[in-house]
Amino acid sequence: NPGTNAILGFAPAASGNVAPIQTITGSA
């Protein structure tokens, strides 16, 4: 997601309006 400078990871079976299970983001 370039808008938030983030990498989002979704579960293999994710569907619909669900939160990612993994997020890489922050200054580091």
mmCIF file of all heavy atoms, coordinates in Angstrom:
data_MODEL
# 
_entry.id   MODEL 
# 
loop_
_atom_site.group_PDB 
_atom_site.id 
_atom_site.type_symbol 
_atom_site.label_atom_id 
_atom_site.label_alt_id 
_atom_site.label_comp_id 
_atom_site.label_asym_id 
_atom_site.label_entity_id 
_atom_site.label_seq_id 
_atom_site.pdbx_PDB_ins_code 
_atom_site.Cartn_x 
_atom_site.Cartn_y 
_atom_site.Cartn_z 
_atom_site.occupancy 
_atom_site.B_iso_or_equiv 
_atom_site.pdbx_formal_charge 
_atom_site.auth_seq_id 
_atom_site.auth_comp_id 
_atom_site.auth_asym_id 
_atom_site.auth_atom_id 
_atom_site.pdbx_PDB_model_num 
ATOM 1   N N   . ASN A 1 1  ? 0.856   -1.187  0.000  1.00 0.00 ? 1  ASN A N   1 
ATOM 2   C CA  . ASN A 1 1  ? 0.000   0.000   0.000  1.00 0.00 ? 1  ASN A CA  1 
ATOM 3   C C   . ASN A 1 1  ? 0.891   1.236   0.000  1.00 0.00 ? 1  ASN A C   1 
ATOM 4   O O   . ASN A 1 1  ? 1.436   1.623   1.038  1.00 0.00 ? 1  ASN A O   1 
ATOM 5   C CB  . ASN A 1 1  ? -0.903  0.002   1.234  1.00 0.00 ? 1  ASN A CB  1 
ATOM 6   C CG  . ASN A 1 1  ? -1.907  1.149   1.203  1.00 0.00 ? 1  ASN A CG  1 
ATOM 7   O OD1 . ASN A 1 1  ? -1.684  2.164   0.558  1.00 0.00 ? 1  ASN A OD1 1 
ATOM 8   N ND2 . ASN A 1 1  ? -3.017  0.992   1.902  1.00 0.00 ? 1  ASN A ND2 1 
ATOM 9   N N   . PRO A 1 2  ? 1.080   1.890   -1.156 1.00 0.00 ? 2  PRO A N   1 
ATOM 10  C CA  . PRO A 1 2  ? 1.945   3.066   -1.209 1.00 0.00 ? 2  PRO A CA  1 
ATOM 11  C C   . PRO A 1 2  ? 1.384   4.252   -0.439 1.00 0.00 ? 2  PRO A C   1 
ATOM 12  O O   . PRO A 1 2  ? 2.136   5.107   0.021  1.00 0.00 ? 2  PRO A O   1 
ATOM 13  C CB  . PRO A 1 2  ? 2.053   3.369   -2.705 1.00 0.00 ? 2  PRO A CB  1 
ATOM 14  C CG  . PRO A 1 2  ? 0.819   2.778   -3.302 1.00 0.00 ? 2  PRO A CG  1 
ATOM 15  C CD  . PRO A 1 2  ? 0.523   1.557   -2.484 1.00 0.00 ? 2  PRO A CD  1 
ATOM 16  N N   . GLY A 1 3  ? 0.065   4.289   -0.285 1.00 0.00 ? 3  GLY A N   1 
ATOM 17  C CA  . GLY A 1 3  ? -0.543  5.402   0.430  1.00 0.00 ? 3  GLY A CA  1 
ATOM 18  C C   . GLY A 1 3  ? -0.182  5.438   1.903  1.00 0.00 ? 3  GLY A C   1 
ATOM 19  O O   . GLY A 1 3  ? -0.095  6.510   2.514  1.00 0.00 ? 3  GLY A O   1 
ATOM 20  N N   . THR A 1 4  ? 0.071   4.249   2.494  1.00 0.00 ? 4  THR A N   1 
ATOM 21  C CA  . THR A 1 4  ? 0.406   4.169   3.909  1.00 0.00 ? 4  THR A CA  1 
ATOM 22  C C   . THR A 1 4  ? 1.807   3.615   4.148  1.00 0.00 ? 4  THR A C   1 
ATOM 23  O O   . THR A 1 4  ? 2.186   3.384   5.289  1.00 0.00 ? 4  THR A O   1 
ATOM 24  C CB  . THR A 1 4  ? -0.612  3.274   4.647  1.00 0.00 ? 4  THR A CB  1 
ATOM 25  O OG1 . THR A 1 4  ? -0.599  1.961   4.056  1.00 0.00 ? 4  THR A OG1 1 
ATOM 26  C CG2 . THR A 1 4  ? -2.015  3.854   4.559  1.00 0.00 ? 4  THR A CG2 1 
ATOM 27  N N   . ASN A 1 5  ? 2.577   3.430   3.068  1.00 0.00 ? 5  ASN A N   1 
ATOM 28  C CA  . ASN A 1 5  ? 3.921   2.847   3.179  1.00 0.00 ? 5  ASN A CA  1 
ATOM 29  C C   . ASN A 1 5  ? 3.890   1.569   4.014  1.00 0.00 ? 5  ASN A C   1 
ATOM 30  O O   . ASN A 1 5  ? 4.588   1.438   5.029  1.00 0.00 ? 5  ASN A O   1 
ATOM 31  C CB  . ASN A 1 5  ? 4.907   3.847   3.774  1.00 0.00 ? 5  ASN A CB  1 
ATOM 32  C CG  . ASN A 1 5  ? 5.327   4.905   2.772  1.00 0.00 ? 5  ASN A CG  1 
ATOM 33  O OD1 . ASN A 1 5  ? 5.410   4.642   1.575  1.00 0.00 ? 5  ASN A OD1 1 
ATOM 34  N ND2 . ASN A 1 5  ? 5.584   6.112   3.249  1.00 0.00 ? 5  ASN A ND2 1 
ATOM 35  N N   . ALA A 1 6  ? 3.080   0.619   3.552  1.00 0.00 ? 6  ALA A N   1 
ATOM 36  C CA  . ALA A 1 6  ? 2.891   -0.613  4.310  1.00 0.00 ? 6  ALA A CA  1 
ATOM 37  C C   . ALA A 1 6  ? 2.815   -1.816  3.376  1.00 0.00 ? 6  ALA A C   1 
ATOM 38  O O   . ALA A 1 6  ? 2.418   -1.700  2.215  1.00 0.00 ? 6  ALA A O   1 
ATOM 39  C CB  . ALA A 1 6  ? 1.621   -0.537  5.149  1.00 0.00 ? 6  ALA A CB  1 
ATOM 40  N N   . ILE A 1 7  ? 3.215   -2.977  3.912  1.00 0.00 ? 7  ILE A N   1 
ATOM 41  C CA  . ILE A 1 7  ? 2.986   -4.260  3.264  1.00 0.00 ? 7  ILE A CA  1 
ATOM 42  C C   . ILE A 1 7  ? 1.971   -5.003  4.122  1.00 0.00 ? 7  ILE A C   1 
ATOM 43  O O   . ILE A 1 7  ? 2.174   -5.180  5.327  1.00 0.00 ? 7  ILE A O   1 
ATOM 44  C CB  . ILE A 1 7  ? 4.281   -5.097  3.166  1.00 0.00 ? 7  ILE A CB  1 
ATOM 45  C CG1 . ILE A 1 7  ? 5.398   -4.292  2.490  1.00 0.00 ? 7  ILE A CG1 1 
ATOM 46  C CG2 . ILE A 1 7  ? 4.010   -6.390  2.414  1.00 0.00 ? 7  ILE A CG2 1 
ATOM 47  C CD1 . ILE A 1 7  ? 5.074   -3.824  1.098  1.00 0.00 ? 7  ILE A CD1 1 
ATOM 48  N N   . LEU A 1 8  ? 0.875   -5.429  3.513  1.00 0.00 ? 8  LEU A N   1 
ATOM 49  C CA  . LEU A 1 8  ? -0.201  -6.106  4.225  1.00 0.00 ? 8  LEU A CA  1 
ATOM 50  C C   . LEU A 1 8  ? -0.226  -7.575  3.833  1.00 0.00 ? 8  LEU A C   1 
ATOM 51  O O   . LEU A 1 8  ? -0.090  -7.917  2.652  1.00 0.00 ? 8  LEU A O   1 
ATOM 52  C CB  . LEU A 1 8  ? -1.555  -5.467  3.869  1.00 0.00 ? 8  LEU A CB  1 
ATOM 53  C CG  . LEU A 1 8  ? -1.646  -3.943  3.977  1.00 0.00 ? 8  LEU A CG  1 
ATOM 54  C CD1 . LEU A 1 8  ? -3.004  -3.453  3.477  1.00 0.00 ? 8  LEU A CD1 1 
ATOM 55  C CD2 . LEU A 1 8  ? -1.399  -3.484  5.402  1.00 0.00 ? 8  LEU A CD2 1 
ATOM 56  N N   . GLY A 1 9  ? -0.413  -8.441  4.817  1.00 0.00 ? 9  GLY A N   1 
ATOM 57  C CA  . GLY A 1 9  ? -0.512  -9.871  4.554  1.00 0.00 ? 9  GLY A CA  1 
ATOM 58  C C   . GLY A 1 9  ? -1.855  -10.412 5.012  1.00 0.00 ? 9  GLY A C   1 
ATOM 59  O O   . GLY A 1 9  ? -2.251  -10.190 6.160  1.00 0.00 ? 9  GLY A O   1 
ATOM 60  N N   . PHE A 1 10 ? -2.567  -11.114 4.124  1.00 0.00 ? 10 PHE A N   1 
ATOM 61  C CA  . PHE A 1 10 ? -3.886  -11.667 4.445  1.00 0.00 ? 10 PHE A CA  1 
ATOM 62  C C   . PHE A 1 10 ? -3.813  -13.188 4.503  1.00 0.00 ? 10 PHE A C   1 
ATOM 63  O O   . PHE A 1 10 ? -3.087  -13.823 3.738  1.00 0.00 ? 10 PHE A O   1 
ATOM 64  C CB  . PHE A 1 10 ? -4.925  -11.236 3.401  1.00 0.00 ? 10 PHE A CB  1 
ATOM 65  C CG  . PHE A 1 10 ? -5.202  -9.763  3.416  1.00 0.00 ? 10 PHE A CG  1 
ATOM 66  C CD1 . PHE A 1 10 ? -4.483  -8.899  2.596  1.00 0.00 ? 10 PHE A CD1 1 
ATOM 67  C CD2 . PHE A 1 10 ? -6.161  -9.229  4.257  1.00 0.00 ? 10 PHE A CD2 1 
ATOM 68  C CE1 . PHE A 1 10 ? -4.717  -7.538  2.615  1.00 0.00 ? 10 PHE A CE1 1 
ATOM 69  C CE2 . PHE A 1 10 ? -6.404  -7.863  4.287  1.00 0.00 ? 10 PHE A CE2 1 
ATOM 70  C CZ  . PHE A 1 10 ? -5.680  -7.013  3.473  1.00 0.00 ? 10 PHE A CZ  1 
ATOM 71  N N   . ALA A 1 11 ? -4.583  -13.746 5.408  1.00 0.00 ? 11 ALA A N   1 
ATOM 72  C CA  . ALA A 1 11 ? -4.615  -15.201 5.573  1.00 0.00 ? 11 ALA A CA  1 
ATOM 73  C C   . ALA A 1 11 ? -5.008  -15.873 4.261  1.00 0.00 ? 11 ALA A C   1 
ATOM 74  O O   . ALA A 1 11 ? -5.758  -15.304 3.456  1.00 0.00 ? 11 ALA A O   1 
ATOM 75  C CB  . ALA A 1 11 ? -5.604  -15.573 6.677  1.00 0.00 ? 11 ALA A CB  1 
ATOM 76  N N   . PRO A 1 12 ? -4.517  -17.095 4.035  1.00 0.00 ? 12 PRO A N   1 
ATOM 77  C CA  . PRO A 1 12 ? -4.830  -17.784 2.778  1.00 0.00 ? 12 PRO A CA  1 
ATOM 78  C C   . PRO A 1 12 ? -6.314  -17.893 2.479  1.00 0.00 ? 12 PRO A C   1 
ATOM 79  O O   . PRO A 1 12 ? -6.713  -17.852 1.309  1.00 0.00 ? 12 PRO A O   1 
ATOM 80  C CB  . PRO A 1 12 ? -4.201  -19.165 2.986  1.00 0.00 ? 12 PRO A CB  1 
ATOM 81  C CG  . PRO A 1 12 ? -3.093  -18.930 3.946  1.00 0.00 ? 12 PRO A CG  1 
ATOM 82  C CD  . PRO A 1 12 ? -3.579  -17.864 4.872  1.00 0.00 ? 12 PRO A CD  1 
ATOM 83  N N   . ALA A 1 13 ? -7.154  -18.026 3.514  1.00 0.00 ? 13 ALA A N   1 
ATOM 84  C CA  . ALA A 1 13 ? -8.600  -18.177 3.291  1.00 0.00 ? 13 ALA A CA  1 
ATOM 85  C C   . ALA A 1 13 ? -9.367  -16.881 3.532  1.00 0.00 ? 13 ALA A C   1 
ATOM 86  O O   . ALA A 1 13 ? -10.596 -16.894 3.590  1.00 0.00 ? 13 ALA A O   1 
ATOM 87  C CB  . ALA A 1 13 ? -9.145  -19.271 4.198  1.00 0.00 ? 13 ALA A CB  1 
ATOM 88  N N   . ALA A 1 14 ? -8.678  -15.751 3.665  1.00 0.00 ? 14 ALA A N   1 
ATOM 89  C CA  . ALA A 1 14 ? -9.341  -14.480 3.969  1.00 0.00 ? 14 ALA A CA  1 
ATOM 90  C C   . ALA A 1 14 ? -10.387 -14.136 2.914  1.00 0.00 ? 14 ALA A C   1 
ATOM 91  O O   . ALA A 1 14 ? -10.190 -14.373 1.721  1.00 0.00 ? 14 ALA A O   1 
ATOM 92  C CB  . ALA A 1 14 ? -8.314  -13.360 4.062  1.00 0.00 ? 14 ALA A CB  1 
ATOM 93  N N   . SER A 1 15 ? -11.486 -13.568 3.360  1.00 0.00 ? 15 SER A N   1 
ATOM 94  C CA  . SER A 1 15 ? -12.554 -13.173 2.451  1.00 0.00 ? 15 SER A CA  1 
ATOM 95  C C   . SER A 1 15 ? -13.366 -12.060 3.086  1.00 0.00 ? 15 SER A C   1 
ATOM 96  O O   . SER A 1 15 ? -13.556 -12.028 4.304  1.00 0.00 ? 15 SER A O   1 
ATOM 97  C CB  . SER A 1 15 ? -13.470 -14.368 2.142  1.00 0.00 ? 15 SER A CB  1 
ATOM 98  O OG  . SER A 1 15 ? -14.460 -14.033 1.192  1.00 0.00 ? 15 SER A OG  1 
ATOM 99  N N   . GLY A 1 16 ? -13.815 -11.135 2.255  1.00 0.00 ? 16 GLY A N   1 
ATOM 100 C CA  . GLY A 1 16 ? -14.662 -10.057 2.744  1.00 0.00 ? 16 GLY A CA  1 
ATOM 101 C C   . GLY A 1 16 ? -13.887 -8.936  3.403  1.00 0.00 ? 16 GLY A C   1 
ATOM 102 O O   . GLY A 1 16 ? -12.721 -8.686  3.104  1.00 0.00 ? 16 GLY A O   1 
ATOM 103 N N   . ASN A 1 17 ? -14.548 -8.273  4.332  1.00 0.00 ? 17 ASN A N   1 
ATOM 104 C CA  . ASN A 1 17 ? -13.979 -7.120  5.032  1.00 0.00 ? 17 ASN A CA  1 
ATOM 105 C C   . ASN A 1 17 ? -13.214 -7.606  6.264  1.00 0.00 ? 17 ASN A C   1 
ATOM 106 O O   . ASN A 1 17 ? -13.725 -7.612  7.383  1.00 0.00 ? 17 ASN A O   1 
ATOM 107 C CB  . ASN A 1 17 ? -15.096 -6.159  5.423  1.00 0.00 ? 17 ASN A CB  1 
ATOM 108 C CG  . ASN A 1 17 ? -14.572 -4.899  6.093  1.00 0.00 ? 17 ASN A CG  1 
ATOM 109 O OD1 . ASN A 1 17 ? -13.390 -4.562  5.990  1.00 0.00 ? 17 ASN A OD1 1 
ATOM 110 N ND2 . ASN A 1 17 ? -15.450 -4.200  6.783  1.00 0.00 ? 17 ASN A ND2 1 
ATOM 111 N N   . VAL A 1 18 ? -11.967 -8.073  6.042  1.00 0.00 ? 18 VAL A N   1 
ATOM 112 C CA  . VAL A 1 18 ? -11.174 -8.661  7.124  1.00 0.00 ? 18 VAL A CA  1 
ATOM 113 C C   . VAL A 1 18 ? -9.856  -7.901  7.266  1.00 0.00 ? 18 VAL A C   1 
ATOM 114 O O   . VAL A 1 18 ? -9.308  -7.372  6.304  1.00 0.00 ? 18 VAL A O   1 
ATOM 115 C CB  . VAL A 1 18 ? -10.884 -10.145 6.861  1.00 0.00 ? 18 VAL A CB  1 
ATOM 116 C CG1 . VAL A 1 18 ? -12.164 -10.966 6.888  1.00 0.00 ? 18 VAL A CG1 1 
ATOM 117 C CG2 . VAL A 1 18 ? -10.158 -10.336 5.527  1.00 0.00 ? 18 VAL A CG2 1 
ATOM 118 N N   . ALA A 1 19 ? -9.326  -7.872  8.482  1.00 0.00 ? 19 ALA A N   1 
ATOM 119 C CA  . ALA A 1 19 ? -8.058  -7.217  8.739  1.00 0.00 ? 19 ALA A CA  1 
ATOM 120 C C   . ALA A 1 19 ? -6.902  -8.123  8.314  1.00 0.00 ? 19 ALA A C   1 
ATOM 121 O O   . ALA A 1 19 ? -7.021  -9.353  8.337  1.00 0.00 ? 19 ALA A O   1 
ATOM 122 C CB  . ALA A 1 19 ? -7.934  -6.885  10.221 1.00 0.00 ? 19 ALA A CB  1 
ATOM 123 N N   . PRO A 1 20 ? -5.781  -7.547  7.915  1.00 0.00 ? 20 PRO A N   1 
ATOM 124 C CA  . PRO A 1 20 ? -4.604  -8.370  7.611  1.00 0.00 ? 20 PRO A CA  1 
ATOM 125 C C   . PRO A 1 20 ? -4.076  -9.051  8.859  1.00 0.00 ? 20 PRO A C   1 
ATOM 126 O O   . PRO A 1 20 ? -4.259  -8.570  9.975  1.00 0.00 ? 20 PRO A O   1 
ATOM 127 C CB  . PRO A 1 20 ? -3.598  -7.348  7.065  1.00 0.00 ? 20 PRO A CB  1 
ATOM 128 C CG  . PRO A 1 20 ? -4.046  -6.031  7.589  1.00 0.00 ? 20 PRO A CG  1 
ATOM 129 C CD  . PRO A 1 20 ? -5.526  -6.105  7.716  1.00 0.00 ? 20 PRO A CD  1 
ATOM 130 N N   . ILE A 1 21 ? -3.433  -10.193 8.685  1.00 0.00 ? 21 ILE A N   1 
ATOM 131 C CA  . ILE A 1 21 ? -2.823  -10.903 9.807  1.00 0.00 ? 21 ILE A CA  1 
ATOM 132 C C   . ILE A 1 21 ? -1.365  -10.487 9.990  1.00 0.00 ? 21 ILE A C   1 
ATOM 133 O O   . ILE A 1 21 ? -0.718  -10.876 10.962 1.00 0.00 ? 21 ILE A O   1 
ATOM 134 C CB  . ILE A 1 21 ? -2.908  -12.428 9.614  1.00 0.00 ? 21 ILE A CB  1 
ATOM 135 C CG1 . ILE A 1 21 ? -2.185  -12.865 8.329  1.00 0.00 ? 21 ILE A CG1 1 
ATOM 136 C CG2 . ILE A 1 21 ? -4.358  -12.888 9.600  1.00 0.00 ? 21 ILE A CG2 1 
ATOM 137 C CD1 . ILE A 1 21 ? -2.057  -14.366 8.177  1.00 0.00 ? 21 ILE A CD1 1 
ATOM 138 N N   . GLN A 1 22 ? -0.848  -9.718  9.066  1.00 0.00 ? 22 GLN A N   1 
ATOM 139 C CA  . GLN A 1 22 ? 0.558   -9.324  9.077  1.00 0.00 ? 22 GLN A CA  1 
ATOM 140 C C   . GLN A 1 22 ? 0.669   -7.953  8.441  1.00 0.00 ? 22 GLN A C   1 
ATOM 141 O O   . GLN A 1 22 ? 0.107   -7.704  7.369  1.00 0.00 ? 22 GLN A O   1 
ATOM 142 C CB  . GLN A 1 22 ? 1.357   -10.364 8.281  1.00 0.00 ? 22 GLN A CB  1 
ATOM 143 C CG  . GLN A 1 22 ? 2.839   -10.179 8.198  1.00 0.00 ? 22 GLN A CG  1 
ATOM 144 C CD  . GLN A 1 22 ? 3.476   -11.319 7.409  1.00 0.00 ? 22 GLN A CD  1 
ATOM 145 O OE1 . GLN A 1 22 ? 2.868   -12.374 7.182  1.00 0.00 ? 22 GLN A OE1 1 
ATOM 146 N NE2 . GLN A 1 22 ? 4.708   -11.127 6.960  1.00 0.00 ? 22 GLN A NE2 1 
ATOM 147 N N   . THR A 1 23 ? 1.375   -7.027  9.084  1.00 0.00 ? 23 THR A N   1 
ATOM 148 C CA  . THR A 1 23 ? 1.563   -5.684  8.537  1.00 0.00 ? 23 THR A CA  1 
ATOM 149 C C   . THR A 1 23 ? 3.001   -5.247  8.771  1.00 0.00 ? 23 THR A C   1 
ATOM 150 O O   . THR A 1 23 ? 3.482   -5.257  9.899  1.00 0.00 ? 23 THR A O   1 
ATOM 151 C CB  . THR A 1 23 ? 0.611   -4.673  9.190  1.00 0.00 ? 23 THR A CB  1 
ATOM 152 O OG1 . THR A 1 23 ? -0.738  -5.085  8.975  1.00 0.00 ? 23 THR A OG1 1 
ATOM 153 C CG2 . THR A 1 23 ? 0.798   -3.294  8.584  1.00 0.00 ? 23 THR A CG2 1 
ATOM 154 N N   . ILE A 1 24 ? 3.691   -4.896  7.702  1.00 0.00 ? 24 ILE A N   1 
ATOM 155 C CA  . ILE A 1 24 ? 5.041   -4.341  7.806  1.00 0.00 ? 24 ILE A CA  1 
ATOM 156 C C   . ILE A 1 24 ? 4.932   -2.846  7.555  1.00 0.00 ? 24 ILE A C   1 
ATOM 157 O O   . ILE A 1 24 ? 4.580   -2.418  6.445  1.00 0.00 ? 24 ILE A O   1 
ATOM 158 C CB  . ILE A 1 24 ? 5.986   -4.982  6.770  1.00 0.00 ? 24 ILE A CB  1 
ATOM 159 C CG1 . ILE A 1 24 ? 6.011   -6.500  6.924  1.00 0.00 ? 24 ILE A CG1 1 
ATOM 160 C CG2 . ILE A 1 24 ? 7.396   -4.410  6.899  1.00 0.00 ? 24 ILE A CG2 1 
ATOM 161 C CD1 . ILE A 1 24 ? 6.755   -7.214  5.804  1.00 0.00 ? 24 ILE A CD1 1 
ATOM 162 N N   . THR A 1 25 ? 5.202   -2.042  8.547  1.00 0.00 ? 25 THR A N   1 
ATOM 163 C CA  . THR A 1 25 ? 5.091   -0.593  8.392  1.00 0.00 ? 25 THR A CA  1 
ATOM 164 C C   . THR A 1 25 ? 5.840   0.091   9.519  1.00 0.00 ? 25 THR A C   1 
ATOM 165 O O   . THR A 1 25 ? 6.095   -0.506  10.564 1.00 0.00 ? 25 THR A O   1 
ATOM 166 C CB  . THR A 1 25 ? 3.612   -0.150  8.377  1.00 0.00 ? 25 THR A CB  1 
ATOM 167 O OG1 . THR A 1 25 ? 3.526   1.226   7.972  1.00 0.00 ? 25 THR A OG1 1 
ATOM 168 C CG2 . THR A 1 25 ? 2.957   -0.314  9.737  1.00 0.00 ? 25 THR A CG2 1 
ATOM 169 N N   . GLY A 1 26 ? 6.218   1.347   9.318  1.00 0.00 ? 26 GLY A N   1 
ATOM 170 C CA  . GLY A 1 26 ? 6.911   2.117   10.337 1.00 0.00 ? 26 GLY A CA  1 
ATOM 171 C C   . GLY A 1 26 ? 8.253   2.621   9.840  1.00 0.00 ? 26 GLY A C   1 
ATOM 172 O O   . GLY A 1 26 ? 8.757   2.219   8.781  1.00 0.00 ? 26 GLY A O   1 
ATOM 173 N N   . SER A 1 27 ? 8.859   3.497   10.607 1.00 0.00 ? 27 SER A N   1 
ATOM 174 C CA  . SER A 1 27 ? 10.083  4.173   10.185 1.00 0.00 ? 27 SER A CA  1 
ATOM 175 C C   . SER A 1 27 ? 11.246  3.218   9.956  1.00 0.00 ? 27 SER A C   1 
ATOM 176 O O   . SER A 1 27 ? 12.101  3.451   9.090  1.00 0.00 ? 27 SER A O   1 
ATOM 177 C CB  . SER A 1 27 ? 10.476  5.220   11.225 1.00 0.00 ? 27 SER A CB  1 
ATOM 178 O OG  . SER A 1 27 ? 10.663  4.611   12.505 1.00 0.00 ? 27 SER A OG  1 
ATOM 179 N N   . ALA A 1 28 ? 11.326  2.134   10.711 1.00 0.00 ? 28 ALA A N   1 
ATOM 180 C CA  . ALA A 1 28 ? 12.443  1.197   10.568 1.00 0.00 ? 28 ALA A CA  1 
ATOM 181 C C   . ALA A 1 28 ? 12.408  0.429   9.253  1.00 0.00 ? 28 ALA A C   1 
ATOM 182 O O   . ALA A 1 28 ? 13.437  -0.076  8.793  1.00 0.00 ? 28 ALA A O   1 
ATOM 183 C CB  . ALA A 1 28 ? 12.459  0.212   11.735 1.00 0.00 ? 28 ALA A CB  1 
# 
